């Protein structure tokens, strides 16, 4: 299919541009090659893999700024110490991470508040799945029958009784 498209385009261009210089002919051939490639070879859409984090517009702006500063730093040869690009990169990275941590903490607090206000199967299982497989937990205390429960296994049992 590529060859037929290329032949058609070359025949068409040669008939139009009959008396040209060699540089013009080379330019025409390159143009025909590009057009034939675009018409016959399908372009593949690249799917980016990885986690899709939900962030606010401000956090997104800071993340993009951090990436830009990193690229500038890499182009300059990755200098360290008191170099301006190095310091700007560190500051941008610090600010982006700070706002991401803040947003995650707010999201976590909202989740726990929702769990306390409107407990449901979905939110309970989210909490259980969140706590599974972790050694060091900062699990919030759950009060049940005037008893504070912080162990994930005991929390599962309480949720099982409630639900």
C-alpha atoms as a PDB file:
ATOM      1  CA  UNK A   1       0.000   0.000   0.000  1.00  0.00           C
ATOM      2  CA  UNK A   2       2.882   2.349   0.827  1.00  0.00           C
ATOM      3  CA  UNK A   3       4.583   1.683  -2.509  1.00  0.00           C
ATOM      4  CA  UNK A   4       1.425   2.330  -4.515  1.00  0.00           C
ATOM      5  CA  UNK A   5       0.761   5.604  -2.675  1.00  0.00           C
ATOM      6  CA  UNK A   6       4.376   6.653  -3.202  1.00  0.00           C
ATOM      7  CA  UNK A   7       4.243   5.852  -6.923  1.00  0.00           C
ATOM      8  CA  UNK A   8       0.984   7.784  -7.332  1.00  0.00           C
ATOM      9  CA  UNK A   9       2.335  10.837  -5.503  1.00  0.00           C
ATOM     10  CA  UNK A  10       5.644  10.794  -7.393  1.00  0.00           C
ATOM     11  CA  UNK A  11       3.904  10.475 -10.758  1.00  0.00           C
ATOM     12  CA  UNK A  12       1.595  13.322  -9.865  1.00  0.00           C
ATOM     13  CA  UNK A  13       4.403  15.606  -8.676  1.00  0.00           C
ATOM     14  CA  UNK A  14       6.725  14.812 -11.594  1.00  0.00           C
ATOM     15  CA  UNK A  15       4.002  15.663 -14.103  1.00  0.00           C
ATOM     16  CA  UNK A  16       3.392  18.988 -12.353  1.00  0.00           C
ATOM     17  CA  UNK A  17       7.064  19.950 -11.777  1.00  0.00           C
ATOM     18  CA  UNK A  18       8.696  18.930 -15.038  1.00  0.00           C
ATOM     19  CA  UNK A  19      11.817  21.107 -15.364  1.00  0.00           C
ATOM     20  CA  UNK A  20      13.234  21.509 -11.855  1.00  0.00           C
ATOM     21  CA  UNK A  21      16.711  21.568 -10.340  1.00  0.00           C
ATOM     22  CA  UNK A  22      18.054  18.569  -8.449  1.00  0.00           C
ATOM     23  CA  UNK A  23      17.508  20.211  -5.055  1.00  0.00           C
ATOM     24  CA  UNK A  24      13.875  20.862  -5.952  1.00  0.00           C
ATOM     25  CA  UNK A  25      13.447  17.258  -7.088  1.00  0.00           C
ATOM     26  CA  UNK A  26      14.974  15.978  -3.837  1.00  0.00           C
ATOM     27  CA  UNK A  27      12.593  18.198  -1.859  1.00  0.00           C
ATOM     28  CA  UNK A  28       9.649  16.882  -3.900  1.00  0.00           C
ATOM     29  CA  UNK A  29      10.726  13.254  -3.297  1.00  0.00           C
ATOM     30  CA  UNK A  30      11.072  13.833   0.450  1.00  0.00           C
ATOM     31  CA  UNK A  31       7.652  15.498   0.526  1.00  0.00           C
ATOM     32  CA  UNK A  32       6.133  12.553  -1.377  1.00  0.00           C
ATOM     33  CA  UNK A  33       7.766  10.076   1.022  1.00  0.00           C
ATOM     34  CA  UNK A  34       6.271  11.894   4.009  1.00  0.00           C
ATOM     35  CA  UNK A  35       2.806  12.129   2.447  1.00  0.00           C
ATOM     36  CA  UNK A  36       2.824   8.439   1.454  1.00  0.00           C
ATOM     37  CA  UNK A  37       3.870   7.479   4.967  1.00  0.00           C
ATOM     38  CA  UNK A  38       1.080   9.540   6.559  1.00  0.00           C
ATOM     39  CA  UNK A  39      -1.534   8.110   4.218  1.00  0.00           C
ATOM     40  CA  UNK A  40      -0.564   4.455   4.372  1.00  0.00           C
ATOM     41  CA  UNK A  41       1.011   3.841   7.792  1.00  0.00           C
ATOM     42  CA  UNK A  42      -1.441   4.260  10.660  1.00  0.00           C
ATOM     43  CA  UNK A  43      -0.179   6.339  13.521  1.00  0.00           C
ATOM     44  CA  UNK A  44      -0.326   4.640  16.894  1.00  0.00           C
ATOM     45  CA  UNK A  45      -1.714   6.470  19.874  1.00  0.00           C
ATOM     46  CA  UNK A  46       0.553   5.978  22.836  1.00  0.00           C
ATOM     47  CA  UNK A  47      -1.269   5.261  26.060  1.00  0.00           C
ATOM     48  CA  UNK A  48       0.575   6.552  29.057  1.00  0.00           C
ATOM     49  CA  UNK A  49       0.646   4.037  31.851  1.00  0.00           C
ATOM     50  CA  UNK A  50       0.877   4.878  35.488  1.00  0.00           C
ATOM     51  CA  UNK A  51      -1.307   6.172  38.225  1.00  0.00           C
ATOM     52  CA  UNK A  52      -3.644   8.978  37.425  1.00  0.00           C
ATOM     53  CA  UNK A  53      -3.557  11.162  40.496  1.00  0.00           C
ATOM     54  CA  UNK A  54      -6.319  13.645  41.116  1.00  0.00           C
ATOM     55  CA  UNK A  55      -4.929  17.035  41.978  1.00  0.00           C
ATOM     56  CA  UNK A  56      -6.180  20.574  42.156  1.00  0.00           C
ATOM     57  CA  UNK A  57      -5.286  23.099  39.443  1.00  0.00           C
ATOM     58  CA  UNK A  58      -2.761  24.725  41.783  1.00  0.00           C
ATOM     59  CA  UNK A  59      -1.039  21.404  42.468  1.00  0.00           C
ATOM     60  CA  UNK A  60      -1.004  20.612  38.763  1.00  0.00           C
ATOM     61  CA  UNK A  61       0.600  23.976  38.038  1.00  0.00           C
ATOM     62  CA  UNK A  62       3.277  23.341  40.664  1.00  0.00           C
ATOM     63  CA  UNK A  63       3.939  19.829  39.327  1.00  0.00           C
ATOM     64  CA  UNK A  64       4.393  21.177  35.792  1.00  0.00           C
ATOM     65  CA  UNK A  65       6.673  23.921  37.100  1.00  0.00           C
ATOM     66  CA  UNK A  66       8.731  21.313  38.937  1.00  0.00           C
ATOM     67  CA  UNK A  67       9.069  19.261  35.745  1.00  0.00           C
ATOM     68  CA  UNK A  68      10.162  22.332  33.784  1.00  0.00           C
ATOM     69  CA  UNK A  69      12.791  23.220  36.385  1.00  0.00           C
ATOM     70  CA  UNK A  70      14.028  19.610  36.304  1.00  0.00           C
ATOM     71  CA  UNK A  71      14.409  19.715  32.504  1.00  0.00           C
ATOM     72  CA  UNK A  72      16.337  22.998  32.715  1.00  0.00           C
ATOM     73  CA  UNK A  73      18.586  21.475  35.371  1.00  0.00           C
ATOM     74  CA  UNK A  74      19.238  18.389  33.188  1.00  0.00           C
ATOM     75  CA  UNK A  75      20.020  20.530  30.116  1.00  0.00           C
ATOM     76  CA  UNK A  76      22.591  22.485  32.147  1.00  0.00           C
ATOM     77  CA  UNK A  77      24.395  19.230  32.977  1.00  0.00           C
ATOM     78  CA  UNK A  78      22.910  18.489  36.415  1.00  0.00           C
ATOM     79  CA  UNK A  79      24.996  20.950  38.421  1.00  0.00           C
ATOM     80  CA  UNK A  80      24.879  20.825  42.217  1.00  0.00           C
ATOM     81  CA  UNK A  81      25.663  23.121  45.084  1.00  0.00           C
ATOM     82  CA  UNK A  82      24.873  26.805  44.682  1.00  0.00           C
ATOM     83  CA  UNK A  83      23.837  26.692  41.014  1.00  0.00           C
ATOM     84  CA  UNK A  84      20.644  28.666  40.354  1.00  0.00           C
ATOM     85  CA  UNK A  85      18.917  25.905  38.346  1.00  0.00           C
ATOM     86  CA  UNK A  86      19.665  23.348  41.075  1.00  0.00           C
ATOM     87  CA  UNK A  87      18.207  25.561  43.823  1.00  0.00           C
ATOM     88  CA  UNK A  88      15.132  26.469  41.742  1.00  0.00           C
ATOM     89  CA  UNK A  89      14.538  22.783  40.995  1.00  0.00           C
ATOM     90  CA  UNK A  90      14.734  21.876  44.676  1.00  0.00           C
ATOM     91  CA  UNK A  91      12.345  24.668  45.659  1.00  0.00           C
ATOM     92  CA  UNK A  92       9.822  23.763  42.959  1.00  0.00           C
ATOM     93  CA  UNK A  93       9.991  20.086  43.931  1.00  0.00           C
ATOM     94  CA  UNK A  94       9.540  20.963  47.615  1.00  0.00           C
ATOM     95  CA  UNK A  95       6.509  23.183  46.901  1.00  0.00           C
ATOM     96  CA  UNK A  96       4.851  20.574  44.675  1.00  0.00           C
ATOM     97  CA  UNK A  97       5.329  17.806  47.213  1.00  0.00           C
ATOM     98  CA  UNK A  98       4.142  20.024  50.049  1.00  0.00           C
ATOM     99  CA  UNK A  99       0.831  20.823  48.375  1.00  0.00           C
ATOM    100  CA  UNK A 100       0.347  17.171  47.328  1.00  0.00           C
ATOM    101  CA  UNK A 101       0.836  16.026  50.930  1.00  0.00           C
ATOM    102  CA  UNK A 102      -1.578  18.697  52.111  1.00  0.00           C
ATOM    103  CA  UNK A 103      -4.251  17.637  49.595  1.00  0.00           C
ATOM    104  CA  UNK A 104      -3.850  13.958  50.493  1.00  0.00           C
ATOM    105  CA  UNK A 105      -4.203  14.773  54.190  1.00  0.00           C
ATOM    106  CA  UNK A 106      -7.386  16.758  53.512  1.00  0.00           C
ATOM    107  CA  UNK A 107      -8.749  13.930  51.372  1.00  0.00           C
ATOM    108  CA  UNK A 108      -7.988  11.435  54.140  1.00  0.00           C
ATOM    109  CA  UNK A 109      -9.696  13.591  56.767  1.00  0.00           C
ATOM    110  CA  UNK A 110     -12.750  13.977  54.523  1.00  0.00           C
ATOM    111  CA  UNK A 111     -12.880  10.200  54.091  1.00  0.00           C
ATOM    112  CA  UNK A 112     -12.785   9.596  57.857  1.00  0.00           C
ATOM    113  CA  UNK A 113     -15.372  12.308  58.438  1.00  0.00           C
ATOM    114  CA  UNK A 114     -17.662  10.690  55.867  1.00  0.00           C
ATOM    115  CA  UNK A 115     -17.084   7.301  57.486  1.00  0.00           C
ATOM    116  CA  UNK A 116     -18.136   8.675  60.868  1.00  0.00           C
ATOM    117  CA  UNK A 117     -21.120  10.634  59.568  1.00  0.00           C
ATOM    118  CA  UNK A 118     -22.528   8.189  57.020  1.00  0.00           C
ATOM    119  CA  UNK A 119     -21.080   4.705  57.438  1.00  0.00           C
ATOM    120  CA  UNK A 120     -21.798   2.400  54.525  1.00  0.00           C
ATOM    121  CA  UNK A 121     -20.501  -0.877  53.172  1.00  0.00           C
ATOM    122  CA  UNK A 122     -18.465   0.915  50.530  1.00  0.00           C
ATOM    123  CA  UNK A 123     -16.656   3.274  52.917  1.00  0.00           C
ATOM    124  CA  UNK A 124     -16.039   0.507  55.460  1.00  0.00           C
ATOM    125  CA  UNK A 125     -14.479  -1.742  52.853  1.00  0.00           C
ATOM    126  CA  UNK A 126     -12.383   1.158  51.586  1.00  0.00           C
ATOM    127  CA  UNK A 127     -10.960   1.567  55.075  1.00  0.00           C
ATOM    128  CA  UNK A 128     -10.356  -2.169  55.445  1.00  0.00           C
ATOM    129  CA  UNK A 129      -8.612  -2.399  52.068  1.00  0.00           C
ATOM    130  CA  UNK A 130      -6.571   0.685  52.843  1.00  0.00           C
ATOM    131  CA  UNK A 131      -5.291  -0.897  56.045  1.00  0.00           C
ATOM    132  CA  UNK A 132      -4.604  -4.375  54.688  1.00  0.00           C
ATOM    133  CA  UNK A 133      -0.993  -5.403  54.316  1.00  0.00           C
ATOM    134  CA  UNK A 134       0.542  -2.458  56.125  1.00  0.00           C
ATOM    135  CA  UNK A 135       2.831  -2.863  59.081  1.00  0.00           C
ATOM    136  CA  UNK A 136       3.026   0.725  60.305  1.00  0.00           C
ATOM    137  CA  UNK A 137      -0.457   2.092  60.440  1.00  0.00           C
ATOM    138  CA  UNK A 138      -1.776   5.445  61.407  1.00  0.00           C
ATOM    139  CA  UNK A 139      -5.267   4.053  61.677  1.00  0.00           C
ATOM    140  CA  UNK A 140      -7.712   6.366  63.349  1.00  0.00           C
ATOM    141  CA  UNK A 141      -9.381   5.181  66.478  1.00  0.00           C
ATOM    142  CA  UNK A 142     -12.869   3.838  66.086  1.00  0.00           C
ATOM    143  CA  UNK A 143     -15.142   3.971  69.089  1.00  0.00           C
ATOM    144  CA  UNK A 144     -17.461   1.032  69.541  1.00  0.00           C
ATOM    145  CA  UNK A 145     -19.391   0.399  72.745  1.00  0.00           C
ATOM    146  CA  UNK A 146     -17.268   2.943  74.667  1.00  0.00           C
ATOM    147  CA  UNK A 147     -14.083   1.189  73.556  1.00  0.00           C
ATOM    148  CA  UNK A 148     -11.393   2.623  71.285  1.00  0.00           C
ATOM    149  CA  UNK A 149     -10.280   0.236  68.567  1.00  0.00           C
ATOM    150  CA  UNK A 150      -7.116   0.906  66.567  1.00  0.00           C
ATOM    151  CA  UNK A 151      -6.112  -2.578  65.382  1.00  0.00           C
ATOM    152  CA  UNK A 152      -7.216  -3.246  61.765  1.00  0.00           C
ATOM    153  CA  UNK A 153      -8.247  -6.828  62.552  1.00  0.00           C
ATOM    154  CA  UNK A 154     -10.468  -5.706  65.432  1.00  0.00           C
ATOM    155  CA  UNK A 155     -11.874  -2.941  63.218  1.00  0.00           C
ATOM    156  CA  UNK A 156     -12.802  -5.547  60.603  1.00  0.00           C
ATOM    157  CA  UNK A 157     -14.652  -7.560  63.224  1.00  0.00           C
ATOM    158  CA  UNK A 158     -16.555  -4.477  64.435  1.00  0.00           C
ATOM    159  CA  UNK A 159     -17.492  -3.543  60.865  1.00  0.00           C
ATOM    160  CA  UNK A 160     -18.596  -7.125  60.278  1.00  0.00           C
ATOM    161  CA  UNK A 161     -20.898  -6.937  63.298  1.00  0.00           C
ATOM    162  CA  UNK A 162     -22.305  -3.562  62.261  1.00  0.00           C
ATOM    163  CA  UNK A 163     -22.869  -4.454  58.630  1.00  0.00           C
END
